[in-house]
């Protein structure tokens, strides 16, 4: 079961989410070397997650964790931008990345569900030559 590639608009959302992290990374260069390393590591992990969600893959991404992270990051970034009135690198990165992560997670879940349905229909088409069961029980015609 392979999950297909995301649509063009979803890919652009993901690329914009990756770009939203750039001010956060640039601000991280003002930190000591270990702070810069942590910021770069977090940014690389965030970019990898977004790009994994939009590429065709045969491995399912744990979506409950992605949904939880996307919701928290989006709420934090958006509320920080709205309540403080000033744009900080962290709030901009969190808001932009969070919204992009929500869009790509929804797209990935939709494509994953479609792949599961197509795999199930292909499996049921192959097994239709043997005895099958329906909601009301086994069909007598398949026993003959």
Protein backbone atom coordinates (compact mmCIF):
# COMPACT_ATOMS: atom_id res chain seq x y z
CA UNK A 1 0.00 0.00 0.00
CA UNK A 2 1.63 3.20 -1.16
CA UNK A 3 0.46 6.68 -0.31
CA UNK A 4 0.43 9.05 -3.28
CA UNK A 5 2.01 12.47 -3.56
CA UNK A 6 0.25 15.58 -2.29
CA UNK A 7 -1.40 18.04 -4.64
CA UNK A 8 0.49 21.08 -5.87
CA UNK A 9 -1.26 23.52 -3.53
CA UNK A 10 -0.52 21.34 -0.49
CA UNK A 11 3.13 21.12 -1.53
CA UNK A 12 3.27 24.92 -1.73
CA UNK A 13 1.79 25.16 1.78
CA UNK A 14 4.53 22.81 2.98
CA UNK A 15 7.26 24.83 1.26
CA UNK A 16 5.84 28.04 2.80
CA UNK A 17 5.88 26.33 6.21
CA UNK A 18 9.54 25.47 5.68
CA UNK A 19 10.25 29.09 4.79
CA UNK A 20 8.37 30.27 7.88
CA UNK A 21 11.08 28.64 10.01
CA UNK A 22 13.88 30.68 8.43
CA UNK A 23 13.51 33.71 10.79
CA UNK A 24 13.64 31.30 13.74
CA UNK A 25 16.84 29.73 12.38
CA UNK A 26 18.41 33.13 11.68
CA UNK A 27 17.60 34.24 15.23
CA UNK A 28 19.22 31.04 16.46
CA UNK A 29 22.59 32.11 15.08
CA UNK A 30 22.79 34.80 17.78
CA UNK A 31 22.85 32.07 20.43
CA UNK A 32 25.95 30.24 21.66
CA UNK A 33 27.08 27.28 19.56
CA UNK A 34 24.98 24.73 21.47
CA UNK A 35 21.86 26.89 21.12
CA UNK A 36 22.49 27.22 17.41
CA UNK A 37 22.89 23.45 17.16
CA UNK A 38 19.57 22.88 18.92
CA UNK A 39 17.77 25.40 16.70
CA UNK A 40 19.25 23.89 13.53
CA UNK A 41 18.38 20.36 14.69
CA UNK A 42 14.80 21.35 15.46
CA UNK A 43 14.46 23.13 12.12
CA UNK A 44 15.82 20.15 10.20
CA UNK A 45 13.42 17.81 12.02
CA UNK A 46 10.51 20.16 11.27
CA UNK A 47 11.46 20.39 7.59
CA UNK A 48 11.84 16.60 7.38
CA UNK A 49 8.37 16.08 8.90
CA UNK A 50 6.70 18.48 6.47
CA UNK A 51 8.46 17.01 3.45
CA UNK A 52 7.66 13.46 4.60
CA UNK A 53 3.97 14.32 4.77
CA UNK A 54 3.85 15.54 1.15
CA UNK A 55 5.98 12.87 -0.55
CA UNK A 56 4.75 9.46 -1.71
CA UNK A 57 5.60 6.93 0.95
CA UNK A 58 4.94 3.33 1.88
CA UNK A 59 5.22 4.03 5.62
CA UNK A 60 2.44 5.58 7.64
CA UNK A 61 3.33 8.61 9.76
CA UNK A 62 1.87 8.55 13.31
CA UNK A 63 -0.90 11.06 12.67
CA UNK A 64 -2.20 11.48 16.25
CA UNK A 65 1.19 12.86 17.27
CA UNK A 66 1.31 15.09 14.19
CA UNK A 67 -2.22 16.41 14.86
CA UNK A 68 -1.35 17.15 18.49
CA UNK A 69 1.86 18.95 17.58
CA UNK A 70 0.21 20.88 14.75
CA UNK A 71 -2.65 22.03 16.97
CA UNK A 72 -0.39 23.19 19.79
CA UNK A 73 2.08 24.95 17.51
CA UNK A 74 -0.69 26.65 15.53
CA UNK A 75 -2.51 27.90 18.61
CA UNK A 76 0.73 29.14 20.18
CA UNK A 77 1.99 30.92 17.07
CA UNK A 78 -1.31 32.45 16.03
CA UNK A 79 -2.23 33.64 19.53
CA UNK A 80 1.25 35.08 20.08
CA UNK A 81 0.99 37.04 16.84
CA UNK A 82 -2.53 38.28 17.61
CA UNK A 83 -2.12 39.10 21.31
CA UNK A 84 1.31 40.70 21.39
CA UNK A 85 0.90 42.94 18.37
CA UNK A 86 4.57 42.56 17.49
CA UNK A 87 6.07 39.98 15.20
CA UNK A 88 8.75 37.85 16.81
CA UNK A 89 10.76 35.21 15.00
CA UNK A 90 9.43 32.44 17.23
CA UNK A 91 5.78 33.42 16.88
CA UNK A 92 6.08 33.84 13.11
CA UNK A 93 7.81 30.49 12.76
CA UNK A 94 5.32 28.70 15.01
CA UNK A 95 2.26 30.24 13.38
CA UNK A 96 3.37 29.69 9.79
CA UNK A 97 4.76 26.22 10.41
CA UNK A 98 1.74 25.17 12.47
CA UNK A 99 -0.77 26.14 9.77
CA UNK A 100 1.33 24.44 7.09
CA UNK A 101 1.56 21.32 9.26
CA UNK A 102 -2.22 21.26 9.72
CA UNK A 103 -2.79 21.46 5.95
CA UNK A 104 -0.23 18.78 5.12
CA UNK A 105 -1.45 16.48 7.92
CA UNK A 106 -5.02 16.72 6.63
CA UNK A 107 -3.83 15.98 3.11
CA UNK A 108 -1.73 13.04 4.30
CA UNK A 109 -4.63 11.58 6.29
CA UNK A 110 -6.95 11.89 3.29
CA UNK A 111 -4.40 10.23 0.96
CA UNK A 112 -3.67 7.50 3.53
CA UNK A 113 -7.39 6.72 3.88
CA UNK A 114 -7.72 6.53 0.10
CA UNK A 115 -4.75 4.15 -0.09
CA UNK A 116 -6.25 1.93 2.62
CA UNK A 117 -9.60 1.86 0.81
CA UNK A 118 -8.00 0.98 -2.53
CA UNK A 119 -5.89 -1.75 -0.91
CA UNK A 120 -8.98 -3.16 0.79
CA UNK A 121 -10.98 -3.17 -2.43
CA UNK A 122 -8.11 -4.86 -4.27
CA UNK A 123 -7.88 -7.45 -1.50
CA UNK A 124 -11.61 -8.13 -1.55
CA UNK A 125 -11.56 -8.46 -5.34
CA UNK A 126 -8.84 -11.12 -5.07
CA UNK A 127 -10.68 -13.03 -2.35
CA UNK A 128 -14.03 -13.02 -4.12
CA UNK A 129 -13.36 -16.46 -5.60
CA UNK A 130 -13.50 -18.14 -2.18
CA UNK A 131 -16.18 -18.26 0.49
CA UNK A 132 -16.99 -14.76 1.66
CA UNK A 133 -19.06 -13.36 4.45
CA UNK A 134 -21.39 -10.42 4.29
CA UNK A 135 -23.17 -8.46 6.98
CA UNK A 136 -25.92 -11.09 7.10
CA UNK A 137 -23.52 -14.05 7.16
CA UNK A 138 -21.86 -16.29 4.58
CA UNK A 139 -23.34 -16.37 1.11
CA UNK A 140 -24.66 -19.79 0.16
CA UNK A 141 -23.67 -19.34 -3.47
CA UNK A 142 -20.00 -19.23 -2.55
CA UNK A 143 -20.19 -22.65 -0.86
CA UNK A 144 -21.20 -24.53 -4.00
